[in-house]
Protein backbone atom coordinates (compact mmCIF):
# COMPACT_ATOMS: atom_id res chain seq x y z
CA MET A 1 61.98 109.95 104.57
CA SER A 2 58.82 111.87 104.29
CA GLN A 3 57.00 111.63 100.46
CA THR A 4 57.90 115.35 100.25
CA ALA A 5 61.63 115.03 100.69
CA VAL A 6 61.84 112.14 98.28
CA ALA A 7 60.02 114.26 95.58
CA THR A 8 62.30 117.25 96.59
CA SER A 9 65.80 114.68 96.49
CA THR A 10 64.24 113.38 92.95
CA GLU A 11 63.99 116.33 91.53
CA ALA A 12 67.51 118.08 92.30
CA ALA A 13 69.02 115.42 91.10
CA PRO A 14 70.35 115.24 87.31
CA ARG A 15 67.58 113.40 85.01
CA MET A 16 69.17 111.52 82.03
CA ASN A 17 67.75 110.56 79.17
CA ARG A 18 67.11 107.02 77.95
CA ARG A 19 69.86 107.54 75.32
CA GLN A 20 72.46 108.95 78.30
CA ALA A 21 71.74 106.04 80.38
CA ALA A 22 71.88 103.21 77.73
CA LYS A 23 75.46 105.17 76.73
CA ILE A 24 75.90 104.91 80.64
CA LYS A 25 75.79 101.14 80.55
CA THR A 26 77.25 100.33 77.64
CA ARG A 27 80.67 101.96 78.61
CA GLY A 28 80.39 100.23 81.65
CA LYS A 29 80.05 96.75 80.15
CA VAL A 30 83.02 97.10 77.63
CA MET A 31 84.97 98.32 80.60
CA ASP A 32 83.95 95.55 82.42
CA ALA A 33 84.80 92.72 79.65
CA ALA A 34 88.18 94.73 79.30
CA ARG A 35 89.25 94.84 82.63
CA THR A 36 88.85 91.01 82.94
CA LEU A 37 90.53 90.52 79.29
CA PHE A 38 93.57 92.45 79.84
CA ALA A 39 93.68 90.81 83.09
CA GLU A 40 93.59 87.65 81.80
CA ARG A 41 95.49 87.74 78.17
CA GLY A 42 97.58 91.16 79.04
CA TYR A 43 97.40 94.12 77.25
CA ASP A 44 98.42 93.00 73.73
CA ALA A 45 97.14 89.99 73.40
CA ALA A 46 93.23 91.27 74.60
CA THR A 47 91.83 92.83 71.74
CA ILE A 48 89.25 94.86 70.53
CA ARG A 49 87.17 92.28 68.87
CA ASP A 50 87.63 90.52 71.57
CA ILE A 51 86.60 93.03 74.42
CA ALA A 52 83.22 93.36 71.93
CA ARG A 53 82.46 90.04 72.14
CA GLY A 54 83.11 89.75 75.88
CA ALA A 55 80.46 92.53 76.47
CA GLY A 56 78.43 90.98 74.52
CA MET A 57 78.00 93.52 71.19
CA SER A 58 80.15 94.99 68.09
CA THR A 59 83.30 96.50 67.51
CA GLY A 60 81.76 99.50 66.42
CA ALA A 61 79.80 99.91 69.65
CA VAL A 62 83.21 99.55 71.35
CA PHE A 63 84.55 102.40 69.02
CA ALA A 64 81.54 104.60 69.63
CA ASN A 65 82.97 104.89 73.49
CA PHE A 66 86.78 104.72 72.81
CA GLN A 67 89.22 106.10 70.38
CA ASP A 68 91.17 103.07 70.42
CA LYS A 69 92.28 100.08 73.05
CA ALA A 70 94.79 102.29 74.71
CA GLU A 71 92.23 105.22 75.39
CA LEU A 72 90.27 102.31 77.01
CA PHE A 73 93.18 100.60 78.88
CA GLU A 74 93.39 104.24 80.45
CA ALA A 75 90.02 104.53 81.80
CA VAL A 76 90.44 101.36 83.35
CA LEU A 77 93.34 102.21 85.10
CA ALA A 78 91.74 105.70 85.87
CA GLU A 79 88.84 104.00 87.70
CA ASP A 80 90.97 101.14 89.12
CA PHE A 81 93.10 104.06 90.85
CA GLY A 82 90.31 106.21 91.93
CA GLN A 83 89.18 103.20 93.94
CA MET A 84 92.90 103.12 94.90
CA LEU A 85 92.89 106.47 96.00
CA ILE A 86 90.13 106.51 98.50
CA ASP A 87 91.90 103.54 100.05
CA PHE A 88 95.00 106.23 100.43
CA GLN A 89 92.80 108.64 101.91
CA THR A 90 91.38 106.11 104.23
CA GLY A 91 94.84 104.27 105.25
CA ALA A 92 96.02 108.42 105.67
CA GLN A 93 93.86 109.30 108.46
CA THR A 94 95.70 106.52 111.01
CA ASP A 95 96.63 108.59 113.74
CA GLY A 96 100.99 108.02 114.28
CA SER A 97 104.03 109.48 113.15
CA VAL A 98 104.74 110.30 109.57
CA SER A 99 106.31 107.08 108.46
CA GLU A 100 103.25 104.88 109.86
CA ARG A 101 100.70 106.98 108.45
CA LEU A 102 102.37 106.62 105.18
CA LEU A 103 102.89 102.77 106.13
CA ALA A 104 99.33 103.00 106.74
CA THR A 105 98.14 104.59 103.36
CA LEU A 106 100.76 102.17 101.30
CA ALA A 107 99.10 98.97 102.79
CA ALA A 108 95.70 100.14 101.80
CA GLY A 109 96.55 100.48 98.33
CA TYR A 110 98.47 97.12 98.19
CA ARG A 111 95.52 95.35 99.53
CA ARG A 112 92.86 96.72 96.82
CA ALA A 113 95.82 95.80 93.90
CA LEU A 114 96.24 92.01 95.79
CA ASP A 115 91.97 91.43 95.03
CA THR A 116 92.82 92.62 91.27
CA LEU A 117 96.25 91.52 91.38
CA PRO A 118 96.18 90.06 87.22
CA MET A 119 95.28 93.89 86.12
CA MET A 120 98.44 94.69 88.35
CA GLN A 121 100.52 92.27 86.09
CA ALA A 122 98.78 94.08 82.68
CA VAL A 123 99.55 97.36 84.11
CA ILE A 124 103.54 96.47 85.17
CA ALA A 125 104.37 94.38 81.94
CA ARG A 126 103.07 97.29 79.81
CA SER A 127 104.98 99.79 81.94
CA TRP A 128 107.94 97.77 79.96
CA PHE A 129 107.35 98.82 76.75
CA GLN A 130 104.94 101.63 76.97
CA SER A 131 105.91 105.15 75.07
CA GLN A 132 106.81 108.45 76.71
CA ALA A 133 103.42 110.00 76.26
CA ASP A 134 101.94 106.70 77.36
CA ASN A 135 103.72 107.35 80.14
CA ALA A 136 103.13 110.55 81.00
CA ARG A 137 99.27 110.27 80.74
CA LEU A 138 100.05 107.15 83.94
CA ARG A 139 101.81 109.75 85.81
CA VAL A 140 99.21 112.16 85.54
CA LEU A 141 96.32 109.35 86.70
CA THR A 142 98.86 108.42 89.45
CA SER A 143 99.57 112.17 90.31
CA PRO A 144 96.58 112.08 93.12
CA LEU A 145 98.18 109.09 94.89
CA ARG A 146 101.62 110.61 94.99
CA GLY A 147 100.07 114.05 96.02
CA LEU A 148 98.33 112.29 98.93
CA ILE A 149 101.63 111.05 100.08
CA THR A 150 103.37 114.41 99.74
CA GLN A 151 100.37 115.93 102.22
CA ILE A 152 101.40 113.34 104.54
CA LEU A 153 105.28 114.55 104.68
CA THR A 154 103.76 118.10 104.27
CA ASP A 155 101.84 117.67 107.58
CA GLY A 156 104.93 115.55 109.32
CA ILE A 157 106.81 119.42 108.71
CA ALA A 158 104.00 121.09 110.45
CA GLN A 159 104.23 118.94 112.98
CA GLY A 160 108.05 119.01 113.22
CA GLU A 161 108.47 115.50 112.57
CA VAL A 162 109.79 116.77 109.04
CA LYS A 163 112.79 118.90 108.36
CA ARG A 164 111.53 122.05 106.93
CA ASP A 165 114.53 121.79 104.38
CA ALA A 166 113.33 117.91 103.42
CA ASP A 167 113.05 117.88 99.15
CA LEU A 168 108.88 116.86 99.73
CA GLY A 169 109.48 115.92 95.78
CA LEU A 170 112.32 113.87 95.78
CA LEU A 171 110.75 112.14 99.18
CA THR A 172 107.39 111.60 97.28
CA GLN A 173 109.34 110.25 94.31
CA MET A 174 111.15 107.54 95.74
CA ILE A 175 108.20 106.45 97.71
CA TRP A 176 106.12 106.13 94.79
CA ASP A 177 109.08 104.48 93.17
CA SER A 178 109.25 101.68 95.88
CA TYR A 179 105.73 101.42 96.39
CA ALA A 180 105.31 100.69 92.94
CA ALA A 181 108.20 97.85 92.32
CA ASN A 182 107.18 96.01 95.12
CA TYR A 183 104.21 95.10 92.92
CA ARG A 184 106.77 92.66 91.12
CA PHE A 185 107.00 90.75 94.37
CA ALA A 186 103.10 90.25 94.19
CA ALA A 187 102.61 89.74 90.75
CA TYR A 188 105.55 87.72 90.26
CA ASP A 189 107.09 85.91 93.45
CA GLY A 190 103.37 85.18 95.12
CA TRP A 191 104.54 88.16 97.98
CA SER A 192 101.31 88.52 100.58
CA MET A 193 100.53 91.59 102.71
CA ASP A 194 102.51 89.56 105.03
CA GLU A 195 105.55 89.88 102.96
CA LEU A 196 104.72 93.34 101.40
CA THR A 197 104.26 95.33 104.37
CA PRO A 198 107.27 94.31 106.35
CA HIS A 199 109.15 95.31 103.20
CA MET A 200 107.86 98.48 102.79
CA ALA A 201 107.99 99.73 106.16
CA ARG A 202 112.28 99.08 106.13
CA GLN A 203 111.91 101.05 102.82
CA LEU A 204 110.03 103.93 104.58
CA SER A 205 112.96 104.05 107.60
CA LEU A 206 115.70 104.29 104.83
CA VAL A 207 114.05 106.76 102.65
CA LEU A 208 112.93 108.81 105.61
CA ALA A 209 116.44 108.56 107.40
CA SER A 210 117.92 111.71 106.66
CA ALA A 211 114.64 113.98 106.49
CA LEU A 212 113.05 113.13 109.60
CA SER A 213 114.23 115.74 112.97
CA GLY A 214 116.02 114.55 115.75
CA GLN A 215 116.98 110.87 115.47
CA PRO A 216 117.20 108.62 112.36
CA ALA A 217 114.14 107.09 111.42
CA ARG A 218 113.23 103.82 113.21
CA ASN A 219 111.34 101.00 111.78
CA VAL A 220 108.00 101.81 111.22
CA GLY A 221 105.35 99.27 113.24
CA LEU A 222 104.19 96.53 111.25
CA SER A 223 100.87 96.68 112.85
CA VAL A 224 98.60 97.99 109.77
């Protein structure tokens, strides 16, 4: 790249002042420390004081970036779900039937989550006791993930593979509920991809059995 191009690129990029850059760095350090402690101790046992200590700063610095622990936890989740969405999108690009694309998409999500399984354990544990408001916010965070499932089903209708009168909302929710519930097997029973993938494939076959055009859904290939 020429010096002129470098200069143009630099000028086009938005510039942050030192204070803005420091705030972003501080927020990142807090989230990294929080993610570690939520994974190690769970949501309830991870205190703001301990998170601040882990980040090497005061509790005041934490509260300058986050209103409370719930907001901090959701910020960590939003970041993690954002990365999972990228994995979902990659899986959705797989060639094949609706069932095969769905399995590739969900398997891609499992691969990322298994790398950060302690954090997923914290999410699962908190989900058992969270309030209706907390649950509503979690649904907002996972909405893009569920939306991609709906899009794959919609593509199936356009391709004539999924019945036009299929209830896509219900199918999406059933597939998502199965996907999310399977994390308990990974978190508490030690399931790896070798167990999760064929189990999810069987669930997809059952959920889609009445929605696919022509013959009932066959078992999904397990090559992903």
